[in-house]
Amino acid sequence: MSDGAGGQATGTVGVALSGVTDVVPGFEGKTIGYTYLFPAISDAYGNTARDVTVGAGIELASINPDSNIGSMDISNDHVLVTFNNPVGWNAASFNGFRLADKFGTVSDIAGVTLLQNGNNAGLDATDISFDANNIYLNWQGLQFQAGAQVELGIVFA
């Protein structure tokens, strides 16, 4: 700053932010809640609820702690499930997972797209639902082979 007579001074400006402070939208570096839901969207299955911090590598070595069905790798704007073994999901009103922004640190989720369907034509966009803080994938009644991958692309507001 200048005083008009050639003198200079420095100043500091403080800015207070409330709510989400997500400078770069996405999951990277954030803690995300994971829960497997069955037989309804409101029913957590067994002891599957856990928090994961998104970073390099696989966040969930097993999407079901009782078996080695498949792993989940969450990146900044993608979710990739890789099935380690063949699996068939029971028919129910809901048989799938939820990812949740439990701590309000992620920008609002504005869209979710199915990028890979695990070579299963029965899995499509109608099996995905989301709101500003949650993503749900319902693969009830479907089967996947070992090595199949299901990938979601996420858009943030």
Protein backbone atom coordinates (compact mmCIF):
# COMPACT_ATOMS: atom_id res chain seq x y z
CA MET A 1 0.00 0.00 0.00
CA SER A 2 1.14 3.57 -0.60
CA ASP A 3 0.29 6.68 1.42
CA GLY A 4 0.45 8.97 -1.65
CA ALA A 5 3.69 10.66 -0.42
CA GLY A 6 5.96 7.80 -1.34
CA GLY A 7 5.70 5.93 1.95
CA GLN A 8 4.72 2.30 1.82
CA ALA A 9 3.18 -0.11 4.29
CA THR A 10 2.02 -3.67 4.19
CA GLY A 11 -1.26 -5.04 5.41
CA THR A 12 -2.80 -8.41 6.06
CA VAL A 13 -6.31 -9.31 5.11
CA GLY A 14 -8.07 -12.15 6.90
CA VAL A 15 -10.85 -14.11 5.24
CA ALA A 16 -13.20 -16.35 7.20
CA LEU A 17 -14.94 -19.17 5.36
CA SER A 18 -17.76 -21.30 6.61
CA GLY A 19 -19.19 -24.52 5.23
CA VAL A 20 -17.28 -26.54 2.66
CA THR A 21 -13.71 -25.40 2.14
CA ASP A 22 -13.04 -27.69 -0.79
CA VAL A 23 -10.63 -25.65 -2.90
CA VAL A 24 -10.28 -28.38 -5.52
CA PRO A 25 -13.56 -30.30 -5.80
CA GLY A 26 -13.29 -34.04 -5.38
CA PHE A 27 -12.58 -36.88 -2.98
CA GLU A 28 -8.76 -36.69 -2.92
CA GLY A 29 -7.47 -36.28 0.64
CA LYS A 30 -10.99 -36.38 2.12
CA THR A 31 -12.51 -38.92 4.50
CA ILE A 32 -15.43 -40.74 2.89
CA GLY A 33 -17.90 -43.06 4.60
CA TYR A 34 -18.50 -46.47 3.01
CA THR A 35 -21.40 -48.76 3.92
CA TYR A 36 -22.69 -51.90 2.23
CA LEU A 37 -26.51 -51.84 2.24
CA PHE A 38 -28.76 -54.93 2.13
CA PRO A 39 -31.67 -55.85 1.93
CA ALA A 40 -32.91 -52.26 1.81
CA ILE A 41 -31.27 -48.88 1.25
CA SER A 42 -31.71 -48.08 4.95
CA ASP A 43 -30.10 -51.33 6.20
CA ALA A 44 -26.35 -51.52 6.79
CA TYR A 45 -25.18 -55.07 6.12
CA GLY A 46 -23.13 -56.56 8.94
CA ASN A 47 -20.04 -54.70 10.01
CA THR A 48 -19.35 -52.98 6.70
CA ALA A 49 -19.53 -49.31 7.72
CA ARG A 50 -16.13 -47.66 7.76
CA ASP A 51 -14.38 -44.43 6.95
CA VAL A 52 -11.60 -44.26 4.37
CA THR A 53 -9.28 -41.42 3.46
CA VAL A 54 -8.93 -41.10 -0.31
CA GLY A 55 -5.38 -41.16 -1.61
CA ALA A 56 -3.07 -43.25 -3.74
CA GLY A 57 -3.92 -46.93 -4.02
CA ILE A 58 -6.91 -49.04 -3.07
CA GLU A 59 -9.07 -47.67 -0.26
CA LEU A 60 -11.01 -50.88 0.43
CA ALA A 61 -9.23 -54.20 0.00
CA SER A 62 -12.65 -55.85 0.29
CA ILE A 63 -16.06 -54.29 -0.26
CA ASN A 64 -17.36 -56.93 2.18
CA PRO A 65 -15.10 -57.66 5.17
CA ASP A 66 -16.50 -61.21 5.42
CA SER A 67 -15.17 -62.25 2.02
CA ASN A 68 -12.74 -61.38 -0.74
CA ILE A 69 -15.40 -60.41 -3.28
CA GLY A 70 -13.70 -57.34 -4.65
CA SER A 71 -11.80 -54.16 -3.93
CA MET A 72 -12.63 -50.47 -4.29
CA ASP A 73 -10.26 -47.75 -5.43
CA ILE A 74 -11.58 -44.22 -4.95
CA SER A 75 -9.77 -41.39 -6.69
CA ASN A 76 -10.56 -37.70 -6.91
CA ASP A 77 -13.50 -38.13 -9.29
CA HIS A 78 -13.78 -41.88 -9.93
CA VAL A 79 -14.76 -45.04 -8.09
CA LEU A 80 -13.45 -48.36 -9.42
CA VAL A 81 -14.66 -51.72 -8.09
CA THR A 82 -12.68 -54.75 -9.24
CA PHE A 83 -14.18 -58.17 -8.54
CA ASN A 84 -11.56 -60.65 -7.33
CA ASN A 85 -13.94 -63.61 -7.55
CA PRO A 86 -17.20 -64.37 -9.35
CA VAL A 87 -20.17 -63.03 -7.43
CA GLY A 88 -23.95 -63.10 -7.68
CA TRP A 89 -25.92 -60.52 -5.69
CA ASN A 90 -29.23 -61.58 -4.14
CA ALA A 91 -32.40 -59.91 -5.36
CA ALA A 92 -33.68 -57.35 -2.83
CA SER A 93 -35.00 -53.83 -2.85
CA PHE A 94 -31.35 -52.75 -2.44
CA ASN A 95 -28.11 -54.72 -2.56
CA GLY A 96 -25.16 -52.39 -3.03
CA PHE A 97 -23.11 -49.66 -1.43
CA ARG A 98 -23.24 -46.04 -0.34
CA LEU A 99 -20.37 -43.57 -0.33
CA ALA A 100 -21.05 -40.57 1.91
CA ASP A 101 -19.51 -37.20 2.64
CA LYS A 102 -20.03 -37.66 6.38
CA PHE A 103 -18.05 -34.61 7.48
CA GLY A 104 -19.18 -32.00 4.93
CA THR A 105 -15.71 -31.57 3.44
CA VAL A 106 -16.46 -32.49 -0.18
CA SER A 107 -18.10 -30.18 -2.71
CA ASP A 108 -21.66 -31.17 -3.59
CA ILE A 109 -21.99 -34.15 -5.89
CA ALA A 110 -23.62 -32.88 -9.09
CA GLY A 111 -23.56 -36.02 -11.23
CA VAL A 112 -22.55 -39.68 -11.37
CA THR A 113 -21.96 -41.60 -14.60
CA LEU A 114 -21.50 -45.33 -15.15
CA LEU A 115 -18.21 -45.61 -17.10
CA GLN A 116 -17.78 -49.42 -16.94
CA ASN A 117 -20.56 -51.90 -16.20
CA GLY A 118 -18.42 -54.97 -15.47
CA ASN A 119 -19.49 -56.53 -18.79
CA ASN A 120 -23.00 -56.83 -17.40
CA ALA A 121 -25.69 -55.21 -19.55
CA GLY A 122 -28.08 -55.45 -16.58
CA LEU A 123 -26.10 -52.74 -14.74
CA ASP A 124 -27.01 -49.31 -16.09
CA ALA A 125 -27.59 -45.70 -15.06
CA THR A 126 -30.90 -46.59 -13.38
CA ASP A 127 -28.93 -48.52 -10.74
CA ILE A 128 -27.15 -45.35 -9.59
CA SER A 129 -28.64 -42.67 -7.39
CA PHE A 130 -27.05 -39.72 -5.66
CA ASP A 131 -27.66 -36.50 -3.81
CA ALA A 132 -25.29 -33.71 -2.77
CA ASN A 133 -23.55 -35.91 -0.17
CA ASN A 134 -24.17 -39.57 -1.13
CA ILE A 135 -23.67 -42.01 -3.99
CA TYR A 136 -25.64 -45.29 -4.09
CA LEU A 137 -25.00 -48.21 -6.46
CA ASN A 138 -27.59 -51.01 -6.43
CA TRP A 139 -26.48 -54.18 -8.21
CA GLN A 140 -29.19 -56.40 -6.74
CA GLY A 141 -29.87 -59.58 -8.71
CA LEU A 142 -26.76 -59.16 -10.92
CA GLN A 143 -23.72 -61.38 -11.42
CA PHE A 144 -20.10 -60.46 -12.18
CA GLN A 145 -17.13 -62.57 -13.23
CA ALA A 146 -13.69 -62.47 -11.61
CA GLY A 147 -11.74 -59.54 -13.04
CA ALA A 148 -14.86 -57.55 -13.99
CA GLN A 149 -14.70 -53.83 -13.21
CA VAL A 150 -17.45 -51.36 -12.41
CA GLU A 151 -16.40 -47.72 -12.67
CA LEU A 152 -18.23 -44.53 -11.78
CA GLY A 153 -17.28 -41.01 -12.82
CA ILE A 154 -18.28 -38.24 -10.41
CA VAL A 155 -18.91 -34.57 -11.16
CA PHE A 156 -18.78 -32.03 -8.35
CA ALA A 157 -20.51 -28.66 -8.17
